Amino acid sequence: QVQPAESGGGVVQAGDSLTLSCSVSGGTFVGDDMVSWYRQAPCKEREVIGTITWDAGSRHYADTMRGRFTIYRNYHENRAWLHMNGLKPEDSVIYYCNIPRESVVYWGQGTQVTVSS
């Protein structure tokens, strides 16, 4: 079973930057993995931030997420990253990564980001 694991959340000030990490607990990313980042506010639907393909490193972002969010991956560290700039209080939500494999989408437990004004 694939178990994504997010880390790096915490409490930051408005305007700060923060980088979140996604790894595969007890495993590794493989060539055709597509790692997606989502976020979810309380009582709202989960919304996609963007996606990166593990092998090629091709990135795609949701239109509403362009500009302040950057997704990248590090082959040697076996991690995918979500870098966020200019954080705002409304970015205070839980961030998730997921990995689809063989028609199953595996989700991590999420990491909470809190932005204080």
Protein backbone atom coordinates (compact mmCIF):
# COMPACT_ATOMS: atom_id res chain seq x y z
CA GLN A 1 0.00 0.00 0.00
CA VAL A 2 1.15 3.50 -0.82
CA GLN A 3 1.09 5.95 2.08
CA PRO A 4 1.84 9.57 1.25
CA ALA A 5 3.10 11.63 4.15
CA GLU A 6 3.00 15.40 4.31
CA SER A 7 5.11 17.51 6.63
CA GLY A 8 6.25 21.07 7.12
CA GLY A 9 3.07 22.72 8.27
CA GLY A 10 2.98 25.11 11.18
CA VAL A 11 2.18 28.63 12.26
CA VAL A 12 3.59 31.51 10.23
CA GLN A 13 3.01 35.23 9.86
CA ALA A 14 1.14 36.79 6.97
CA GLY A 15 3.55 37.46 4.15
CA ASP A 16 5.88 34.61 5.11
CA SER A 17 6.86 31.72 2.89
CA LEU A 18 6.58 28.06 3.75
CA THR A 19 7.54 24.82 2.06
CA LEU A 20 5.66 21.59 2.58
CA SER A 21 7.00 18.15 1.82
CA CYS A 22 5.36 15.02 0.48
CA SER A 23 7.06 11.65 0.74
CA VAL A 24 5.99 8.02 0.54
CA SER A 25 6.06 6.50 3.98
CA GLY A 26 7.97 3.22 3.83
CA GLY A 27 8.43 3.49 0.10
CA THR A 28 9.50 5.59 -2.82
CA PHE A 29 8.03 7.51 -5.69
CA VAL A 30 8.17 5.66 -8.98
CA GLY A 31 8.63 6.85 -12.54
CA ASP A 32 5.06 7.43 -13.64
CA ASP A 33 3.76 8.80 -10.35
CA MET A 34 1.81 12.00 -10.55
CA VAL A 35 1.91 13.84 -7.23
CA SER A 36 -0.89 16.30 -6.59
CA TRP A 37 -1.25 18.90 -3.90
CA TYR A 38 -4.64 19.86 -2.53
CA ARG A 39 -5.90 21.93 0.30
CA GLN A 40 -9.08 21.97 2.29
CA ALA A 41 -10.68 24.51 4.56
CA PRO A 42 -13.19 23.47 7.23
CA CYS A 43 -16.61 22.69 5.77
CA LYS A 44 -15.36 23.23 2.22
CA GLU A 45 -14.47 20.90 -0.60
CA ARG A 46 -10.90 19.93 -1.16
CA GLU A 47 -9.40 22.06 -3.93
CA VAL A 48 -6.50 21.21 -6.16
CA ILE A 49 -3.38 23.33 -6.13
CA GLY A 50 -1.35 21.56 -8.77
CA THR A 51 0.40 18.46 -9.94
CA ILE A 52 3.88 17.30 -10.80
CA THR A 53 4.92 14.21 -12.69
CA TRP A 54 7.66 12.40 -10.88
CA ASP A 55 9.77 11.32 -13.83
CA ALA A 56 9.62 14.34 -16.10
CA GLY A 57 8.92 16.96 -13.44
CA SER A 58 6.14 18.49 -15.54
CA ARG A 59 3.99 20.82 -13.49
CA HIS A 60 0.42 22.01 -13.85
CA TYR A 61 -1.40 24.42 -11.59
CA ALA A 62 -5.02 25.27 -11.01
CA ASP A 63 -5.72 28.70 -12.45
CA THR A 64 -6.63 30.08 -9.04
CA MET A 65 -3.33 28.86 -7.57
CA ARG A 66 -0.91 30.29 -10.07
CA GLY A 67 1.61 32.78 -8.83
CA ARG A 68 2.12 32.08 -5.14
CA PHE A 69 2.51 28.31 -5.24
CA THR A 70 5.36 26.31 -6.72
CA ILE A 71 5.52 22.53 -6.89
CA TYR A 72 8.78 20.71 -7.45
CA ARG A 73 10.35 17.41 -6.67
CA ASN A 74 13.77 16.21 -5.64
CA TYR A 75 14.77 12.86 -7.04
CA HIS A 76 17.58 12.23 -4.60
CA GLU A 77 15.57 13.20 -1.54
CA ASN A 78 12.59 11.27 -2.87
CA ARG A 79 10.25 14.12 -1.98
CA ALA A 80 7.82 16.41 -3.66
CA TRP A 81 7.53 19.93 -2.36
CA LEU A 82 4.95 22.68 -2.27
CA HIS A 83 6.48 26.11 -1.81
CA MET A 84 4.12 28.92 -0.86
CA ASN A 85 4.90 32.64 -0.96
CA GLY A 86 3.10 35.62 0.44
CA LEU A 87 0.94 33.60 2.77
CA LYS A 88 -2.39 35.07 3.80
CA PRO A 89 -4.71 34.23 6.67
CA GLU A 90 -7.06 32.56 4.17
CA ASP A 91 -4.28 30.09 3.38
CA SER A 92 -4.83 28.67 6.86
CA VAL A 93 -6.07 25.25 5.86
CA ILE A 94 -4.91 21.64 5.74
CA TYR A 95 -2.67 20.71 2.83
CA TYR A 96 -2.63 17.23 1.33
CA CYS A 97 -0.70 15.37 -1.30
CA ASN A 98 -1.97 12.38 -3.17
CA ILE A 99 -0.56 9.71 -5.43
CA PRO A 100 -2.72 7.67 -7.79
CA ARG A 101 -1.51 4.15 -8.53
CA GLU A 102 -3.34 1.39 -10.34
CA SER A 103 -6.66 3.23 -10.24
CA VAL A 104 -6.45 3.95 -6.52
CA VAL A 105 -5.77 7.43 -5.19
CA TYR A 106 -3.77 7.43 -1.98
CA TRP A 107 -4.00 10.42 0.32
CA GLY A 108 -1.78 11.54 3.14
CA GLN A 109 -3.08 12.68 6.50
CA GLY A 110 -2.46 16.31 5.69
CA THR A 111 -0.48 19.04 7.36
CA GLN A 112 -2.02 22.11 8.93
CA VAL A 113 -0.84 25.58 8.00
CA THR A 114 -1.94 28.53 10.11
CA VAL A 115 -1.21 32.06 8.97
CA SER A 116 -1.58 34.76 11.59
CA SER A 117 -2.28 38.34 10.59
